[in-house]
N, C-alpha and C. Protein backbone atom coordinates (compact mmCIF):
# COMPACT_ATOMS: atom_id res chain seq x y z
N MET A 1 -11.65 19.58 28.55
CA MET A 1 -11.80 20.12 27.01
C MET A 1 -12.90 19.56 26.01
N LEU A 2 -13.56 20.60 25.61
CA LEU A 2 -14.50 20.00 24.91
C LEU A 2 -14.55 19.36 23.73
N SER A 3 -14.99 18.18 22.88
CA SER A 3 -15.15 17.29 22.04
C SER A 3 -14.50 18.21 20.82
N ALA A 4 -15.23 19.13 20.85
CA ALA A 4 -14.97 19.14 19.23
C ALA A 4 -13.44 20.16 19.50
N GLU A 5 -13.02 20.63 20.11
CA GLU A 5 -11.31 20.95 20.73
C GLU A 5 -10.88 19.63 20.69
N ARG A 6 -10.90 18.26 20.94
CA ARG A 6 -10.66 17.33 21.29
C ARG A 6 -10.49 16.79 19.54
N MET A 7 -11.54 16.43 18.74
CA MET A 7 -11.75 16.31 17.48
C MET A 7 -11.26 17.08 16.33
N GLU A 8 -10.77 18.45 16.94
CA GLU A 8 -9.93 19.80 15.98
C GLU A 8 -8.84 18.93 16.27
N GLN A 9 -8.34 19.23 17.87
CA GLN A 9 -7.01 18.46 17.79
C GLN A 9 -6.33 17.18 16.92
N ILE A 10 -7.17 16.18 17.15
CA ILE A 10 -7.24 15.00 16.19
C ILE A 10 -7.02 14.78 15.03
N VAL A 11 -7.72 15.83 14.64
CA VAL A 11 -7.93 15.35 12.66
C VAL A 11 -6.89 16.47 12.42
N LYS A 12 -6.20 17.71 13.09
CA LYS A 12 -5.18 18.23 12.62
C LYS A 12 -4.06 17.15 12.99
N ALA A 13 -3.83 16.83 14.09
CA ALA A 13 -3.20 15.54 14.03
C ALA A 13 -2.83 14.51 12.99
N MET A 14 -3.60 13.94 12.47
CA MET A 14 -3.88 13.14 11.39
C MET A 14 -3.30 13.92 9.62
N ILE A 15 -3.86 15.20 9.53
CA ILE A 15 -3.28 15.64 8.27
C ILE A 15 -1.73 15.68 8.73
N SER A 16 -1.45 15.70 9.62
CA SER A 16 0.37 16.00 10.08
C SER A 16 0.93 14.43 9.55
N GLN A 17 0.14 14.03 9.94
CA GLN A 17 1.00 12.23 10.10
C GLN A 17 0.81 12.07 8.51
N HIS A 18 -0.45 12.12 8.19
CA HIS A 18 -0.30 12.06 6.45
C HIS A 18 0.28 12.91 5.61
N ASP A 19 0.43 14.06 6.14
CA ASP A 19 1.64 14.61 5.12
C ASP A 19 3.06 14.13 5.35
N VAL A 20 3.58 13.75 6.25
CA VAL A 20 5.04 13.18 6.78
C VAL A 20 5.02 11.89 5.72
N LEU A 21 3.96 11.04 6.16
CA LEU A 21 3.94 10.02 5.14
C LEU A 21 4.09 9.97 3.65
N CYS A 22 3.54 11.58 3.14
CA CYS A 22 3.16 11.73 1.91
C CYS A 22 4.81 12.06 1.63
N LYS A 23 5.42 12.88 2.27
CA LYS A 23 6.79 13.09 1.88
C LYS A 23 7.87 11.79 1.81
N LEU A 24 7.74 11.13 2.87
CA LEU A 24 8.70 10.01 2.57
C LEU A 24 8.22 8.93 1.68
N ALA A 25 6.81 9.20 1.02
CA ALA A 25 6.16 8.21 0.13
C ALA A 25 7.02 8.76 -1.23
N GLU A 26 7.05 10.40 -1.23
CA GLU A 26 7.58 10.81 -2.23
C GLU A 26 9.40 10.54 -2.36
N ARG A 27 10.05 10.75 -1.49
CA ARG A 27 11.12 10.07 -1.37
C ARG A 27 11.72 8.62 -1.58
N LYS A 28 10.73 8.00 -1.13
CA LYS A 28 10.66 6.59 -1.60
C LYS A 28 10.70 6.18 -3.03
N CYS A 29 9.59 7.01 -3.51
CA CYS A 29 9.69 7.18 -5.14
C CYS A 29 10.94 7.22 -5.83
N GLU A 30 11.63 8.15 -5.25
CA GLU A 30 12.71 8.57 -6.03
C GLU A 30 13.98 7.61 -5.56
N ALA A 31 14.12 7.06 -4.50
CA ALA A 31 14.69 5.99 -4.34
C ALA A 31 14.85 4.92 -5.42
N ILE A 32 13.22 4.11 -5.32
CA ILE A 32 12.86 3.00 -6.41
C ILE A 32 13.16 3.39 -7.94
N LYS A 33 13.46 4.78 -8.39
CA LYS A 33 13.79 4.79 -9.64
C LYS A 33 14.74 4.67 -9.52
N ARG A 34 16.33 5.29 -8.71
CA ARG A 34 17.66 4.97 -8.74
C ARG A 34 17.95 3.72 -8.56
N GLU A 35 16.67 2.67 -8.14
CA GLU A 35 17.12 1.45 -7.81
C GLU A 35 17.95 0.87 -6.30
N ASP A 36 17.87 1.82 -5.38
CA ASP A 36 18.07 1.99 -4.42
C ASP A 36 17.20 1.38 -3.34
N ALA A 37 18.14 0.17 -2.97
CA ALA A 37 16.70 -1.03 -2.19
C ALA A 37 17.23 -0.63 -0.52
N GLN A 38 17.98 0.05 -0.44
CA GLN A 38 18.61 -0.03 1.00
C GLN A 38 18.19 1.45 1.54
N THR A 39 17.64 2.68 0.64
CA THR A 39 16.67 3.70 1.27
C THR A 39 15.35 3.20 1.01
N VAL A 40 15.27 2.94 0.39
CA VAL A 40 13.81 1.80 0.57
C VAL A 40 13.41 1.19 1.64
N SER A 41 14.16 0.16 2.10
CA SER A 41 13.90 -0.38 3.42
C SER A 41 13.84 1.04 4.17
N ALA A 42 14.87 1.29 4.37
CA ALA A 42 15.22 2.31 5.55
C ALA A 42 13.67 3.25 5.59
N ILE A 43 13.43 3.81 4.46
CA ILE A 43 11.89 4.48 4.77
C ILE A 43 10.77 4.17 4.89
N THR A 44 10.59 2.68 4.33
CA THR A 44 9.82 1.91 4.89
C THR A 44 9.99 1.33 6.49
N ASN A 45 11.16 1.33 7.17
CA ASN A 45 11.55 1.49 8.82
C ASN A 45 10.64 2.83 9.36
N LYS A 46 11.17 3.78 8.45
CA LYS A 46 10.63 5.38 9.49
C LYS A 46 9.14 5.64 8.99
N GLU A 47 8.56 4.58 8.32
CA GLU A 47 7.27 4.95 8.45
C GLU A 47 6.59 4.02 9.05
N ALA A 48 7.07 3.40 9.94
CA ALA A 48 6.03 2.42 10.66
C ALA A 48 5.64 3.67 11.78
N PRO A 49 6.48 4.20 12.46
CA PRO A 49 5.79 5.04 13.87
C PRO A 49 5.19 5.99 13.61
N PHE A 50 4.85 6.36 12.08
CA PHE A 50 3.79 7.32 11.61
C PHE A 50 2.58 6.62 11.06
N VAL A 51 2.62 5.52 10.74
CA VAL A 51 1.15 4.74 10.48
C VAL A 51 0.86 3.99 12.01
N ASP A 52 1.73 3.84 13.01
CA ASP A 52 1.18 3.27 14.29
C ASP A 52 0.13 4.56 14.90
N GLU A 53 0.82 5.48 14.79
CA GLU A 53 0.38 6.95 15.45
C GLU A 53 -0.65 7.34 14.82
N LEU A 54 -1.08 7.09 13.47
CA LEU A 54 -2.57 6.97 12.70
C LEU A 54 -3.36 5.99 13.35
N ILE A 55 -2.79 4.92 13.68
CA ILE A 55 -3.92 4.22 14.28
C ILE A 55 -4.42 4.46 15.76
N ARG A 56 -3.67 4.83 16.14
CA ARG A 56 -3.79 5.67 17.93
C ARG A 56 -4.85 7.00 17.79
N LEU A 57 -4.93 7.61 16.66
CA LEU A 57 -4.89 8.60 16.56
C LEU A 57 -6.74 7.93 16.07
N GLU A 58 -6.76 7.35 15.48
CA GLU A 58 -8.15 7.04 14.71
C GLU A 58 -8.52 6.25 15.65
N LYS A 59 -8.53 6.01 16.96
CA LYS A 59 -8.40 5.26 17.67
C LYS A 59 -9.09 6.28 18.63
N LYS A 60 -8.34 7.40 18.64
CA LYS A 60 -9.28 8.59 19.26
C LYS A 60 -10.45 9.44 18.80
N ARG A 61 -10.33 9.19 17.63
CA ARG A 61 -11.72 9.70 16.57
C ARG A 61 -12.69 8.89 16.97
N ILE A 62 -12.50 7.79 17.00
CA ILE A 62 -13.53 6.86 17.23
C ILE A 62 -14.14 6.92 18.82
N ALA A 63 -13.34 6.87 20.04
CA ALA A 63 -13.77 7.51 21.18
C ALA A 63 -14.60 8.98 21.42
N VAL A 64 -14.25 9.73 20.48
CA VAL A 64 -14.59 11.32 20.89
C VAL A 64 -16.06 11.17 20.36
N ILE A 65 -16.22 10.66 18.77
CA ILE A 65 -17.55 10.13 18.58
C ILE A 65 -18.38 9.12 19.34
N GLU A 66 -17.52 7.90 19.56
CA GLU A 66 -18.49 7.75 20.56
C GLU A 66 -19.07 8.25 21.69
N TYR A 67 -18.30 8.93 22.34
CA TYR A 67 -18.42 9.85 23.29
C TYR A 67 -19.66 10.86 23.12
N ASP A 68 -19.76 11.34 21.96
CA ASP A 68 -21.06 12.45 21.89
C ASP A 68 -22.21 11.41 20.95
N LEU A 69 -21.65 10.53 20.93
CA LEU A 69 -23.48 10.54 19.70
C LEU A 69 -23.76 8.93 19.71
N GLY A 70 -22.94 8.35 20.97
CA GLY A 70 -23.26 7.35 22.06
C GLY A 70 -22.44 6.05 21.45
N SER A 71 -22.39 4.90 22.29
CA SER A 71 -21.32 3.44 21.67
C SER A 71 -21.83 3.30 20.66
N THR A 72 -23.52 3.04 20.34
CA THR A 72 -23.57 2.19 19.06
C THR A 72 -23.88 3.50 18.07
N HIS A 73 -23.41 4.35 17.84
CA HIS A 73 -22.56 5.03 16.79
C HIS A 73 -20.83 5.09 16.20
N SER A 74 -20.23 4.39 16.63
CA SER A 74 -18.88 4.41 16.39
C SER A 74 -18.32 4.14 15.50
N ASP A 75 -19.03 3.88 14.11
CA ASP A 75 -18.72 3.68 13.08
C ASP A 75 -19.39 4.96 12.06
N ALA A 76 -19.84 6.01 12.68
CA ALA A 76 -20.50 7.48 12.43
C ALA A 76 -19.28 8.19 11.42
N THR A 77 -19.65 8.58 10.59
CA THR A 77 -18.90 9.41 9.68
C THR A 77 -18.73 11.01 10.17
N PHE A 78 -17.19 11.41 9.45
CA PHE A 78 -17.13 12.57 10.32
C PHE A 78 -18.06 13.90 10.08
N SER A 79 -19.19 13.75 8.74
CA SER A 79 -20.03 14.78 8.37
C SER A 79 -21.49 13.80 9.23
N GLU A 80 -21.69 12.85 9.94
CA GLU A 80 -22.66 12.28 10.84
C GLU A 80 -22.29 13.50 11.94
N TRP A 81 -20.86 13.20 12.83
CA TRP A 81 -20.61 13.60 13.84
C TRP A 81 -21.02 15.40 13.77
N GLU A 82 -20.14 15.81 12.69
CA GLU A 82 -19.99 17.24 12.29
C GLU A 82 -21.65 17.63 12.62
N GLN A 83 -22.58 16.85 11.77
CA GLN A 83 -23.91 17.75 12.38
C GLN A 83 -24.97 17.82 13.15
N ALA A 84 -24.39 16.32 13.86
CA ALA A 84 -24.53 16.36 15.50
C ALA A 84 -24.26 17.21 16.24
N VAL A 85 -22.60 17.64 16.16
CA VAL A 85 -21.85 18.18 17.78
C VAL A 85 -21.93 20.10 16.89
N ILE A 86 -21.20 20.06 16.08
CA ILE A 86 -20.56 21.29 15.47
C ILE A 86 -21.86 22.53 15.02
N HIS A 87 -21.92 23.47 15.64
CA HIS A 87 -23.15 24.48 15.27
C HIS A 87 -22.60 24.91 13.40
N GLU A 88 -24.09 25.24 13.36
CA GLU A 88 -23.81 25.75 11.91
C GLU A 88 -23.14 26.70 11.65
N ASP A 89 -23.11 27.83 12.26
CA ASP A 89 -21.93 28.97 12.16
C ASP A 89 -20.66 28.55 12.04
N GLU A 90 -19.90 27.16 12.57
CA GLU A 90 -18.75 27.08 12.87
C GLU A 90 -18.42 25.69 11.79
N GLN A 91 -19.36 25.08 10.69
CA GLN A 91 -19.77 24.13 10.26
C GLN A 91 -18.96 24.15 9.05
N GLU A 92 -18.40 25.46 8.49
CA GLU A 92 -17.63 24.86 7.02
C GLU A 92 -16.38 25.46 7.61
N LYS A 93 -16.03 25.61 8.87
CA LYS A 93 -14.58 25.22 9.36
C LYS A 93 -14.14 24.35 8.99
N TRP A 94 -15.21 23.22 9.74
CA TRP A 94 -15.12 22.23 10.04
C TRP A 94 -14.89 21.21 8.32
N GLN A 95 -15.78 21.69 7.67
CA GLN A 95 -15.90 21.17 6.56
C GLN A 95 -14.22 21.58 5.79
N LYS A 96 -14.06 22.67 5.87
CA LYS A 96 -12.42 22.69 5.40
C LYS A 96 -11.47 22.32 5.99
N LEU A 97 -11.42 21.55 7.04
CA LEU A 97 -10.82 21.32 7.85
C LEU A 97 -10.80 19.33 7.30
N TYR A 98 -12.04 19.08 7.15
CA TYR A 98 -12.14 17.66 6.56
C TYR A 98 -11.74 17.58 5.61
N LEU A 99 -12.35 18.77 4.48
CA LEU A 99 -11.47 18.93 2.91
C LEU A 99 -9.66 18.47 3.06
N LYS A 100 -9.11 19.62 3.92
CA LYS A 100 -7.59 19.46 4.46
C LYS A 100 -7.26 17.97 4.51
N LEU A 101 -8.11 16.60 5.59
CA LEU A 101 -7.84 15.86 5.40
C LEU A 101 -7.98 14.87 4.39
N THR A 102 -9.09 14.84 4.04
CA THR A 102 -9.27 13.71 2.65
C THR A 102 -8.37 14.19 1.38
N LYS A 103 -7.88 15.44 1.45
CA LYS A 103 -6.77 15.94 0.07
C LYS A 103 -5.35 15.13 0.59
N SER A 104 -4.91 15.38 2.03
CA SER A 104 -3.90 14.81 2.73
C SER A 104 -4.02 13.43 2.36
N VAL A 105 -5.22 12.34 3.04
CA VAL A 105 -5.36 11.26 2.69
C VAL A 105 -4.82 10.50 0.97
N TYR A 106 -5.59 11.82 0.14
CA TYR A 106 -5.59 10.89 -1.03
C TYR A 106 -4.39 11.54 -1.88
N ALA A 107 -3.63 12.05 -1.43
CA ALA A 107 -2.11 12.70 -2.10
C ALA A 107 -0.80 11.45 -1.31
N LEU A 108 -1.59 10.65 0.04
CA LEU A 108 -0.53 9.83 0.24
C LEU A 108 -1.19 8.29 -0.52
N LYS A 109 -2.08 8.54 -0.82
CA LYS A 109 -2.85 6.89 -1.77
C LYS A 109 -1.88 7.12 -3.02
N GLN A 110 -2.21 8.27 -3.76
CA GLN A 110 -1.77 8.48 -4.65
C GLN A 110 -0.16 7.74 -4.91
N ALA A 111 0.56 9.15 -3.82
CA ALA A 111 2.55 8.42 -3.67
C ALA A 111 2.07 7.03 -3.95
N ASN A 112 1.36 6.41 -2.69
CA ASN A 112 1.51 4.81 -2.49
C ASN A 112 1.10 4.17 -3.79
N THR A 113 0.32 4.34 -4.72
CA THR A 113 0.08 3.81 -5.62
C THR A 113 0.94 3.42 -6.82
N LEU A 114 1.51 4.94 -7.06
CA LEU A 114 2.32 4.79 -8.10
C LEU A 114 4.06 4.22 -7.44
N ASN A 115 4.17 4.12 -5.92
CA ASN A 115 5.64 3.30 -5.29
C ASN A 115 5.28 1.98 -5.83
N GLN A 116 3.78 1.64 -5.56
CA GLN A 116 3.23 0.24 -6.05
C GLN A 116 3.58 -0.27 -7.42
N GLU A 117 3.41 0.33 -8.19
CA GLU A 117 3.31 0.42 -9.81
C GLU A 117 4.79 -0.16 -9.82
N LEU A 118 5.47 1.35 -9.27
CA LEU A 118 7.34 0.79 -10.13
C LEU A 118 7.88 -0.03 -9.21
N LEU A 119 7.72 -0.90 -8.21
CA LEU A 119 7.87 -1.81 -7.60
C LEU A 119 7.45 -3.23 -8.11
N ARG A 120 6.35 -3.10 -8.30
CA ARG A 120 5.69 -4.29 -9.30
C ARG A 120 6.52 -4.06 -10.96
N ASP A 121 6.59 -2.91 -11.10
CA ASP A 121 7.43 -3.13 -12.82
C ASP A 121 8.55 -3.09 -12.38
N SER A 122 9.35 -2.93 -11.42
CA SER A 122 11.23 -3.65 -11.20
C SER A 122 10.83 -4.94 -11.00
N LEU A 123 10.15 -5.74 -10.28
CA LEU A 123 10.03 -7.00 -9.67
C LEU A 123 9.88 -7.94 -11.22
N ILE A 124 9.10 -7.23 -12.28
CA ILE A 124 9.11 -7.53 -13.57
C ILE A 124 10.07 -8.15 -14.46
N TRP A 125 10.89 -6.06 -14.10
CA TRP A 125 12.10 -6.05 -14.61
C TRP A 125 12.99 -7.59 -14.25
N VAL A 126 13.20 -7.64 -12.95
CA VAL A 126 14.15 -8.52 -12.38
C VAL A 126 13.81 -10.31 -13.15
N ARG A 127 12.19 -10.23 -12.73
CA ARG A 127 11.77 -11.59 -13.49
C ARG A 127 12.30 -12.09 -14.82
N LEU A 128 12.39 -11.06 -15.85
CA LEU A 128 12.77 -11.15 -17.03
C LEU A 128 14.43 -11.37 -16.73
N ASN A 129 14.71 -10.39 -16.40
CA ASN A 129 16.33 -10.76 -16.68
C ASN A 129 16.90 -11.80 -15.96
N ILE A 130 16.02 -12.87 -15.02
CA ILE A 130 16.54 -13.92 -14.38
C ILE A 130 16.52 -15.20 -15.20
N SER A 131 14.78 -14.84 -16.14
CA SER A 131 14.36 -15.93 -16.64
C SER A 131 15.51 -15.80 -18.19
N LEU A 132 15.84 -14.72 -18.82
CA LEU A 132 16.79 -14.39 -19.58
C LEU A 132 18.03 -15.51 -19.01
N LEU A 133 18.64 -15.09 -18.27
CA LEU A 133 19.96 -15.45 -17.52
C LEU A 133 20.00 -17.23 -16.94
N LYS A 134 18.93 -17.77 -17.41
CA LYS A 134 18.52 -19.38 -17.08
C LYS A 134 19.04 -19.90 -18.16
N PRO A 135 19.93 -21.10 -17.81
CA PRO A 135 20.06 -21.72 -19.25
C PRO A 135 18.93 -22.78 -19.69
N LYS A 136 18.59 -22.63 -21.01
CA LYS A 136 17.04 -23.47 -21.14
C LYS A 136 17.70 -24.84 -21.34
N THR A 137 16.95 -25.79 -20.68
CA THR A 137 16.98 -27.23 -21.11
C THR A 137 16.30 -27.03 -22.65
N GLN A 138 17.51 -28.04 -23.21
CA GLN A 138 17.01 -28.39 -24.30
C GLN A 138 15.84 -29.85 -24.69
N ALA A 139 15.10 -30.19 -25.28
CA ALA A 139 14.13 -30.99 -25.72
C ALA A 139 15.46 -32.10 -26.40
N LEU A 140 14.94 -33.58 -26.10
CA LEU A 140 16.18 -34.57 -26.80
C LEU A 140 15.40 -34.87 -27.87
N ASN A 141 14.68 -34.85 -28.42
CA ASN A 141 13.63 -34.98 -29.99
C ASN A 141 12.68 -33.38 -30.06
N ASN A 142 12.24 -33.45 -31.06
CA ASN A 142 11.45 -32.63 -31.57
C ASN A 142 9.87 -32.87 -31.30
N TYR A 143 9.28 -33.77 -30.40
CA TYR A 143 8.23 -34.45 -30.45
C TYR A 143 8.00 -34.36 -29.16
N PRO A 144 6.94 -33.72 -28.35
CA PRO A 144 5.99 -33.43 -27.08
C PRO A 144 6.28 -35.02 -26.65
N ASN A 145 6.20 -34.79 -25.35
CA ASN A 145 6.21 -35.75 -24.49
C ASN A 145 5.16 -36.30 -24.45
N PRO A 146 4.51 -37.55 -24.54
CA PRO A 146 2.74 -37.71 -24.54
C PRO A 146 2.25 -38.18 -22.71
N LYS A 147 3.67 -37.88 -22.32
CA LYS A 147 3.59 -38.26 -20.96
C LYS A 147 3.74 -37.13 -19.91
N GLY A 148 3.40 -36.17 -20.65
CA GLY A 148 3.26 -34.51 -20.00
C GLY A 148 4.51 -34.14 -19.41
N GLY A 149 5.77 -34.42 -20.05
CA GLY A 149 6.17 -34.16 -18.97
C GLY A 149 7.40 -34.51 -18.45
N GLN A 150 7.05 -36.08 -18.28
CA GLN A 150 7.75 -36.82 -17.67
C GLN A 150 8.56 -37.64 -17.88
N SER A 151 9.67 -37.95 -17.47
CA SER A 151 10.73 -38.43 -17.84
C SER A 151 10.33 -39.66 -18.07
N SER A 152 10.94 -40.48 -19.07
CA SER A 152 10.75 -41.98 -19.20
C SER A 152 11.50 -43.21 -18.26
N SER A 153 10.57 -44.14 -17.93
CA SER A 153 11.04 -44.81 -16.81
C SER A 153 12.12 -45.84 -17.25
N SER A 154 11.73 -46.18 -18.94
CA SER A 154 12.88 -47.67 -19.15
C SER A 154 13.88 -47.01 -19.71
N VAL A 155 14.80 -48.04 -20.36
CA VAL A 155 16.10 -47.43 -20.71
C VAL A 155 16.02 -47.28 -21.71
N PHE A 156 14.95 -47.86 -22.71
CA PHE A 156 14.86 -47.48 -24.16
C PHE A 156 14.21 -46.16 -24.21
N SER A 157 14.23 -45.30 -24.82
CA SER A 157 13.46 -43.86 -24.74
C SER A 157 12.92 -43.53 -25.94
N GLY A 158 13.00 -44.60 -27.15
CA GLY A 158 12.08 -44.71 -28.24
C GLY A 158 12.69 -44.32 -29.33
N ARG A 159 13.70 -43.35 -29.17
CA ARG A 159 14.29 -42.67 -29.93
C ARG A 159 14.97 -43.88 -31.06
N ILE A 160 14.87 -43.75 -32.17
CA ILE A 160 15.61 -44.12 -33.49
C ILE A 160 16.73 -43.54 -34.40
N ASP A 161 17.60 -44.43 -33.95
CA ASP A 161 18.55 -43.49 -34.45
C ASP A 161 18.90 -44.26 -36.12
N SER A 162 18.89 -42.55 -36.70
CA SER A 162 18.32 -43.13 -38.38
C SER A 162 19.87 -43.27 -38.67
N ARG A 163 21.08 -43.00 -37.88
CA ARG A 163 22.60 -43.26 -39.07
C ARG A 163 22.86 -44.61 -40.05
N THR A 164 22.09 -45.63 -38.90
CA THR A 164 22.28 -46.93 -39.38
C THR A 164 21.83 -47.70 -40.15
């Protein structure tokens, strides 16, 4: 199989994986809004195989680039690979394919960013509610402790009983 055909299969598979992850991220967003922690956890577990597949596909993509451009160019960009391997008459097709991948990655990034913000806001809300429910410790006097919050080690606390 030609490397261009292999790369096309890899890129299309990457787009597919990103699209599935984006749909899962949208479902996760709705679960976060409903405060359904079990569904969020289940969706997170479902995401793992797709992330693993993306890692595998990225390794294949790098292998194709190394095959075509040499091992010293394993960090070459898609555009650099395209210019070196793809004929001019097919470059528009590849640019559209790359744009589709870019849009897919961007949509996933946006969905994940929203989910992170929602989870962060939920944690802030939980912490606020917990702090409101905690009993407040009251100071025994109205004066700040010169020892920086440490309790007095002597039996005599230094308080004066004004009732005498």
